[in-house]
Amino acid sequence: MNFSVWKMKRPSKLLLHIIAWAIIFLLPFIFSPEYQHNSGRTERENEFLYLNTVTKVFWVLLFYLNTVFLIPKFLYRRKYMIFALLQLLLFVAIMGIHGVFFELIVSDWPFNFYSSSAHNMVPFLFTVLVSIAFKTVSDRLKTERVASEKQRENLRTELSFLRSQISPHFLFNVLNNIVALVRMKSEELEPTILKLSSLMQYMLYETDEEKVLLKSEVDYLKSYIDLQQQRFGNRLTLKLQMDIEEDWHAIEPMLLIPFVENAFKHGTGMVKAPVIEITLKAADNELLFVVRNMYIELDEAKDKDSGIGLANVKRRLELLYGKHHRLTIDKANEWFAVSLQLTFKT
């Protein structure tokens, strides 16, 4: 069932109510055979038609009195007996007013309270039940909408916090790389600084967006890997395989870099012959990202900041992709492996 109508702005809701009541008031004129042609109705039928039309005004007032005041005040607070008694009193009052209009509109016909009450009992009960259903559903949807908006706001706040944690951590590692190049007086220092400038531009401006193109994220990833290769040179064996058939997909920024950052940080310290393997594939609306590195348990234990990036990205994946992703982390035979599979959102 589509409940989008319940989310309309106030002017649209007012117009919808007016149309609904107009249809109810016009139904006798449109669908009842005896009312389709004025010439086919007797004077008595015309009088009762006018009387019923006037009485419907009180059903409208009853509807809004219930939804605005009586239902929240009594029914929601489980004061069922008081609510039922008030409905009965309102019915008697409406029937009394109905009797006054009966005497004014219907000529040469005595008013009978009991027969009129029996005639109007069905529309009365229908109005009460509809008002209860309307108020209950609209309030429930309003509550759910507020809760959903609050959840989205909390999600945005948490994602912003997690992203802010990742960026300084990454920057700290890259600056360490530059320090190493300075100490080695490497000719790669200048292009490295320029590349870092490009990375910072991506981090400070493009990552403010909720989504970026996969192509931008991959370019950022490649630049980071280049920086690391400049630092380690031939001492590091890097196996890089990228097969990007669909680079137009949107992805959350800074989602892939923590895996690679973690591999370089913990797979190169005390490892004598470090090896890092990175595989990235994007095809058929799916992404597969695998990062493997050799590691030494002691090297990882001495780092108090170990796993900050991975912990953050795991939380982001849970918030953003839920069951549409699968993340596995495995340690075996001095190899640390992370595998991420996710379905792109369309």
Protein backbone atom coordinates (compact mmCIF):
# COMPACT_ATOMS: atom_id res chain seq x y z
CA MET A 1 0.00 0.00 0.00
CA ASN A 2 1.32 3.45 -0.93
CA PHE A 3 1.24 5.83 2.02
CA SER A 4 2.86 8.75 0.19
CA VAL A 5 -0.38 10.68 0.49
CA TRP A 6 0.17 10.83 4.27
CA LYS A 7 3.45 12.68 3.72
CA MET A 8 1.92 15.59 1.79
CA LYS A 9 2.44 19.17 2.88
CA ARG A 10 -0.37 20.93 4.74
CA PRO A 11 -1.99 22.68 1.69
CA SER A 12 -2.09 19.37 -0.20
CA LYS A 13 -3.65 17.61 2.80
CA LEU A 14 -6.29 20.33 3.11
CA LEU A 15 -7.15 20.01 -0.58
CA LEU A 16 -7.36 16.23 -0.25
CA HIS A 17 -9.78 16.52 2.68
CA ILE A 18 -11.95 19.00 0.78
CA ILE A 19 -12.12 16.69 -2.24
CA ALA A 20 -12.95 13.66 -0.07
CA TRP A 21 -15.82 15.41 1.72
CA ALA A 22 -17.11 16.92 -1.53
CA ILE A 23 -17.34 13.43 -3.02
CA ILE A 24 -19.23 12.17 0.05
CA PHE A 25 -21.69 15.05 -0.11
CA LEU A 26 -22.25 14.61 -3.86
CA LEU A 27 -22.67 10.84 -3.83
CA PRO A 28 -26.48 10.94 -3.49
CA PHE A 29 -26.70 13.31 -6.46
CA ILE A 30 -24.37 11.23 -8.63
CA PHE A 31 -25.19 7.59 -7.98
CA SER A 32 -28.71 7.37 -6.59
CA PRO A 33 -31.21 6.91 -9.45
CA GLU A 34 -33.96 8.87 -7.75
CA TYR A 35 -31.62 11.84 -7.33
CA GLN A 36 -30.16 11.95 -10.86
CA HIS A 37 -33.00 14.05 -12.28
CA ASN A 38 -34.75 16.66 -10.22
CA SER A 39 -37.94 16.17 -12.23
CA GLY A 40 -38.03 12.54 -11.12
CA ARG A 41 -38.04 13.39 -7.41
CA THR A 42 -41.00 14.21 -5.28
CA GLU A 43 -41.09 17.20 -2.98
CA ARG A 44 -40.75 14.86 0.01
CA GLU A 45 -37.62 13.27 -1.49
CA ASN A 46 -36.13 16.70 -2.02
CA GLU A 47 -36.76 17.64 1.58
CA PHE A 48 -35.06 14.50 2.92
CA LEU A 49 -32.20 15.05 0.50
CA TYR A 50 -31.60 18.52 1.94
CA LEU A 51 -31.99 17.22 5.49
CA ASN A 52 -29.41 14.45 4.97
CA THR A 53 -27.02 16.95 3.39
CA VAL A 54 -27.27 19.23 6.45
CA THR A 55 -26.80 16.24 8.79
CA LYS A 56 -23.58 15.30 6.98
CA VAL A 57 -22.10 18.57 8.17
CA PHE A 58 -22.32 17.23 11.71
CA TRP A 59 -20.59 14.00 10.68
CA VAL A 60 -17.74 16.17 9.38
CA LEU A 61 -17.59 18.06 12.68
CA LEU A 62 -17.68 14.76 14.60
CA PHE A 63 -14.82 13.39 12.49
CA TYR A 64 -12.50 16.33 13.25
CA LEU A 65 -13.58 16.58 16.89
CA ASN A 66 -12.53 12.95 17.30
CA THR A 67 -9.25 13.19 15.41
CA VAL A 68 -8.13 16.49 16.92
CA PHE A 69 -9.26 16.12 20.51
CA LEU A 70 -11.25 13.11 21.72
CA ILE A 71 -9.07 10.28 20.35
CA PRO A 72 -5.74 11.68 21.64
CA LYS A 73 -7.31 12.79 24.92
CA PHE A 74 -9.24 9.65 25.81
CA LEU A 75 -8.75 6.73 23.40
CA TYR A 76 -4.94 6.98 23.33
CA ARG A 77 -4.93 7.13 27.13
CA ARG A 78 -7.09 4.00 27.29
CA LYS A 79 -10.08 5.79 28.77
CA TYR A 80 -12.38 3.67 26.64
CA MET A 81 -15.54 4.03 28.73
CA ILE A 82 -15.29 7.83 28.78
CA PHE A 83 -14.66 7.88 25.03
CA ALA A 84 -17.67 5.63 24.36
CA LEU A 85 -19.88 7.71 26.65
CA LEU A 86 -18.84 10.92 24.90
CA GLN A 87 -19.61 9.37 21.52
CA LEU A 88 -23.07 8.40 22.76
CA LEU A 89 -23.70 11.91 24.09
CA LEU A 90 -22.53 13.43 20.82
CA PHE A 91 -24.86 11.14 18.89
CA VAL A 92 -27.81 12.18 21.06
CA ALA A 93 -26.87 15.85 20.61
CA ILE A 94 -26.55 15.47 16.84
CA MET A 95 -29.91 13.73 16.72
CA GLY A 96 -31.42 16.59 18.72
CA ILE A 97 -30.04 19.14 16.25
CA HIS A 98 -31.14 16.85 13.43
CA GLY A 99 -34.67 17.00 14.86
CA VAL A 100 -34.64 20.81 14.78
CA PHE A 101 -33.63 20.84 11.11
CA PHE A 102 -36.16 18.08 10.46
CA GLU A 103 -38.94 20.36 11.68
CA LEU A 104 -37.61 23.26 9.60
CA ILE A 105 -37.06 21.35 6.33
CA VAL A 106 -39.60 18.53 6.24
CA SER A 107 -43.17 19.73 6.09
CA ASP A 108 -46.22 17.87 7.31
CA TRP A 109 -44.17 14.99 8.73
CA PRO A 110 -43.70 14.35 12.44
CA PHE A 111 -40.16 13.86 13.76
CA ASN A 112 -39.55 10.53 15.47
CA PHE A 113 -36.34 10.44 17.51
CA TYR A 114 -36.02 6.64 17.52
CA SER A 115 -36.60 6.08 13.81
CA SER A 116 -34.24 8.94 12.95
CA SER A 117 -31.62 7.51 15.31
CA ALA A 118 -31.90 4.08 13.68
CA HIS A 119 -31.60 5.70 10.25
CA ASN A 120 -28.48 7.68 11.24
CA MET A 121 -26.76 5.03 13.37
CA VAL A 122 -24.86 3.54 10.42
CA PRO A 123 -23.32 6.83 9.18
CA PHE A 124 -22.53 7.75 12.80
CA LEU A 125 -20.66 4.49 13.50
CA PHE A 126 -18.94 4.73 10.12
CA THR A 127 -17.72 8.26 10.94
CA VAL A 128 -16.41 7.20 14.36
CA LEU A 129 -14.59 4.16 13.00
CA VAL A 130 -13.10 6.10 10.09
CA SER A 131 -11.90 8.87 12.43
CA ILE A 132 -10.21 6.30 14.68
CA ALA A 133 -8.55 4.55 11.73
CA PHE A 134 -7.46 7.84 10.17
CA LYS A 135 -5.99 9.23 13.38
CA THR A 136 -4.25 5.97 14.31
CA VAL A 137 -2.65 5.44 10.91
CA SER A 138 -1.65 9.09 10.40
CA ASP A 139 -0.06 9.31 13.86
CA ARG A 140 1.77 6.04 13.38
CA LEU A 141 3.15 7.17 10.03
CA LYS A 142 4.14 10.49 11.52
CA THR A 143 6.00 8.71 14.34
CA GLU A 144 7.73 6.40 11.88
CA ARG A 145 8.66 9.34 9.66
CA VAL A 146 10.19 11.26 12.59
CA ALA A 147 12.07 8.14 13.72
CA SER A 148 13.33 7.58 10.17
CA GLU A 149 14.51 11.17 9.85
CA LYS A 150 16.24 10.92 13.21
CA GLN A 151 17.92 7.69 12.16
CA ARG A 152 19.11 9.24 8.89
CA GLU A 153 20.48 12.23 10.78
CA ASN A 154 22.27 9.97 13.24
CA LEU A 155 23.65 7.98 10.30
CA ARG A 156 24.99 11.12 8.62
CA THR A 157 26.55 12.25 11.88
CA GLU A 158 28.17 8.89 12.53
CA LEU A 159 29.47 8.56 8.98
CA SER A 160 30.93 12.04 9.16
CA PHE A 161 32.67 11.13 12.40
CA LEU A 162 34.03 7.87 11.01
CA ARG A 163 35.28 9.59 7.86
CA SER A 164 37.00 12.28 9.92
CA GLN A 165 38.80 9.53 11.83
CA ILE A 166 40.07 7.89 8.65
CA SER A 167 41.46 11.01 6.98
CA PRO A 168 43.93 12.13 9.71
CA HIS A 169 45.09 8.53 10.14
CA PHE A 170 45.85 8.25 6.43
CA LEU A 171 47.55 11.65 6.35
CA PHE A 172 49.79 10.66 9.23
CA ASN A 173 51.04 7.62 7.30
CA VAL A 174 51.69 9.55 4.08
CA LEU A 175 53.64 12.25 5.93
CA ASN A 176 55.80 9.49 7.38
CA ASN A 177 56.48 8.40 3.81
CA ILE A 178 57.59 11.91 2.88
CA VAL A 179 59.88 12.05 5.93
CA ALA A 180 61.51 8.84 4.73
CA LEU A 181 62.06 10.34 1.25
CA VAL A 182 63.61 13.46 2.78
CA ARG A 183 66.03 11.32 4.77
CA MET A 184 66.97 9.40 1.63
CA LYS A 185 67.28 12.71 -0.33
CA SER A 186 65.29 11.08 -3.04
CA GLU A 187 64.58 12.82 -6.36
CA GLU A 188 61.04 11.54 -6.02
CA LEU A 189 60.34 13.99 -3.22
CA GLU A 190 58.90 16.75 -5.41
CA PRO A 191 56.54 14.55 -7.47
CA THR A 192 55.55 12.84 -4.25
CA ILE A 193 54.54 16.14 -2.67
CA LEU A 194 52.56 17.03 -5.80
CA LYS A 195 50.83 13.68 -5.68
CA LEU A 196 50.07 14.20 -2.00
CA SER A 197 48.58 17.58 -2.89
CA SER A 198 46.30 15.84 -5.37
CA LEU A 199 45.29 13.32 -2.74
CA MET A 200 44.55 16.05 -0.23
CA GLN A 201 42.36 17.84 -2.76
CA TYR A 202 40.34 14.67 -3.18
CA MET A 203 40.08 14.13 0.57
CA LEU A 204 39.11 17.72 1.41
CA TYR A 205 36.66 18.46 -1.39
CA GLU A 206 35.35 15.41 -3.22
CA THR A 207 34.85 13.32 -0.09
CA ASP A 208 32.39 15.88 1.24
CA GLU A 209 29.90 14.33 -1.17
CA GLU A 210 27.86 11.35 -0.07
CA LYS A 211 28.93 9.42 -3.17
CA VAL A 212 31.78 9.62 -5.68
CA LEU A 213 32.38 7.79 -8.91
CA LEU A 214 34.19 4.49 -8.59
CA LYS A 215 36.69 5.84 -11.13
CA SER A 216 37.63 8.70 -8.75
CA GLU A 217 38.04 6.33 -5.83
CA VAL A 218 40.21 3.99 -7.92
CA ASP A 219 42.40 6.89 -9.14
CA TYR A 220 42.84 7.93 -5.53
CA LEU A 221 43.76 4.38 -4.61
CA LYS A 222 46.33 4.16 -7.41
CA SER A 223 47.94 7.44 -6.32
CA TYR A 224 48.25 6.17 -2.78
CA ILE A 225 49.84 2.93 -3.97
CA ASP A 226 52.31 4.92 -6.11
CA LEU A 227 53.34 6.90 -3.03
CA GLN A 228 53.97 3.73 -1.13
CA GLN A 229 55.95 2.16 -3.98
CA GLN A 230 58.18 5.23 -4.11
CA ARG A 231 58.94 4.74 -0.45
CA PHE A 232 59.71 1.02 -0.43
CA GLY A 233 61.16 0.58 -3.92
CA ASN A 234 62.39 -2.90 -4.74
CA ARG A 235 62.23 -4.01 -1.13
CA LEU A 236 58.49 -4.54 -1.54
CA THR A 237 56.90 -7.04 -3.89
CA LEU A 238 53.61 -5.58 -5.01
CA LYS A 239 51.14 -7.56 -7.09
CA LEU A 240 48.39 -5.30 -8.40
CA GLN A 241 45.49 -6.51 -10.50
CA MET A 242 42.65 -4.16 -11.44
CA ASP A 243 39.85 -5.13 -13.79
CA ILE A 244 37.35 -2.26 -13.80
CA GLU A 245 34.69 -2.93 -16.42
CA GLU A 246 32.15 -0.62 -14.79
CA ASP A 247 33.77 2.52 -13.36
CA TRP A 248 30.63 4.68 -13.52
CA HIS A 249 29.09 3.26 -10.37
CA ALA A 250 28.74 5.48 -7.30
CA ILE A 251 30.51 4.50 -4.11
CA GLU A 252 31.05 6.07 -0.71
CA PRO A 253 34.38 7.96 -0.64
CA MET A 254 37.34 6.66 1.34
CA LEU A 255 35.76 3.21 1.51
CA LEU A 256 38.57 1.15 -0.06
CA ILE A 257 41.71 2.96 1.06
CA PRO A 258 41.75 1.68 4.69
CA PHE A 259 42.30 -1.91 3.47
CA VAL A 260 45.31 -0.91 1.41
CA GLU A 261 46.58 1.45 4.07
CA ASN A 262 46.41 -1.34 6.64
CA ALA A 263 48.34 -3.70 4.33
CA PHE A 264 51.21 -1.24 3.86
CA LYS A 265 51.31 -0.30 7.50
CA HIS A 266 51.34 -3.80 8.99
CA GLY A 267 52.78 -5.76 6.08
CA THR A 268 56.06 -3.91 5.69
CA GLY A 269 57.41 -3.11 9.17
CA MET A 270 59.42 -6.10 10.40
CA VAL A 271 58.64 -8.37 7.46
CA LYS A 272 61.94 -9.27 5.76
CA ALA A 273 60.51 -9.78 2.30
CA PRO A 274 57.18 -7.95 2.31
CA VAL A 275 54.57 -8.98 -0.24
CA ILE A 276 51.28 -7.21 -0.84
CA GLU A 277 48.64 -8.45 -3.27
CA ILE A 278 45.75 -6.22 -4.31
CA THR A 279 42.89 -7.33 -6.57
CA LEU A 280 40.02 -5.07 -7.59
CA LYS A 281 37.25 -6.09 -9.96
CA ALA A 282 34.03 -4.30 -10.88
CA ALA A 283 31.55 -5.98 -13.19
CA ASP A 284 27.87 -6.99 -13.33
CA ASN A 285 26.93 -4.43 -10.68
CA GLU A 286 29.29 -6.12 -8.20
CA LEU A 287 32.60 -5.15 -6.66
CA LEU A 288 35.27 -7.57 -5.45
CA PHE A 289 38.19 -6.16 -3.52
CA VAL A 290 40.88 -8.41 -2.04
CA VAL A 291 43.98 -7.26 -0.18
CA ARG A 292 46.57 -9.73 1.13
CA ASN A 293 49.81 -9.02 2.94
CA MET A 294 52.42 -10.92 4.90
CA TYR A 295 52.60 -9.93 8.54
CA ILE A 296 54.44 -10.57 11.78
CA GLU A 297 52.32 -10.80 14.92
CA LEU A 298 54.85 -8.86 17.04
CA ASP A 299 54.91 -5.98 14.61
CA GLU A 300 51.14 -5.67 14.81
CA ALA A 301 51.00 -5.99 18.59
CA LYS A 302 53.31 -3.07 19.27
CA ASP A 303 51.15 -0.63 17.31
CA LYS A 304 48.46 0.85 19.58
CA ASP A 305 46.63 2.25 16.56
CA SER A 306 46.38 -1.10 14.85
CA GLY A 307 43.12 -1.64 13.08
CA ILE A 308 41.65 1.87 13.46
CA GLY A 309 41.04 2.15 9.72
CA LEU A 310 39.61 -1.36 9.42
CA ALA A 311 37.32 -0.91 12.41
CA ASN A 312 35.95 2.28 10.92
CA VAL A 313 35.39 0.89 7.46
CA LYS A 314 33.64 -2.17 8.89
CA ARG A 315 31.23 0.12 10.71
CA ARG A 316 30.66 2.21 7.59
CA LEU A 317 29.91 -0.89 5.54
CA GLU A 318 27.36 -2.02 8.12
CA LEU A 319 25.67 1.37 8.08
CA LEU A 320 25.69 1.91 4.33
CA TYR A 321 25.34 -1.52 2.72
CA GLY A 322 23.91 -3.81 5.38
CA LYS A 323 23.19 -7.23 3.93
CA HIS A 324 24.33 -6.08 0.47
CA HIS A 325 27.97 -6.60 1.34
CA ARG A 326 30.20 -9.34 2.65
CA LEU A 327 33.47 -8.64 4.45
CA THR A 328 35.80 -11.44 5.49
CA ILE A 329 39.08 -11.06 7.37
CA ASP A 330 41.40 -14.02 7.68
CA LYS A 331 44.80 -14.70 9.25
CA ALA A 332 46.63 -17.85 8.30
CA ASN A 333 50.23 -18.92 7.63
CA GLU A 334 51.64 -15.42 8.19
CA TRP A 335 49.19 -13.95 5.68
CA PHE A 336 46.55 -11.37 6.49
CA ALA A 337 43.72 -11.26 3.95
CA VAL A 338 40.71 -8.98 3.60
CA SER A 339 38.00 -9.67 1.07
CA LEU A 340 35.13 -7.31 0.34
CA GLN A 341 32.18 -8.11 -1.91
CA LEU A 342 29.42 -5.58 -2.32
CA THR A 343 26.53 -4.84 -4.63
CA PHE A 344 26.39 -1.35 -6.04
CA LYS A 345 23.27 0.61 -5.17
CA THR A 346 21.16 1.50 -8.17
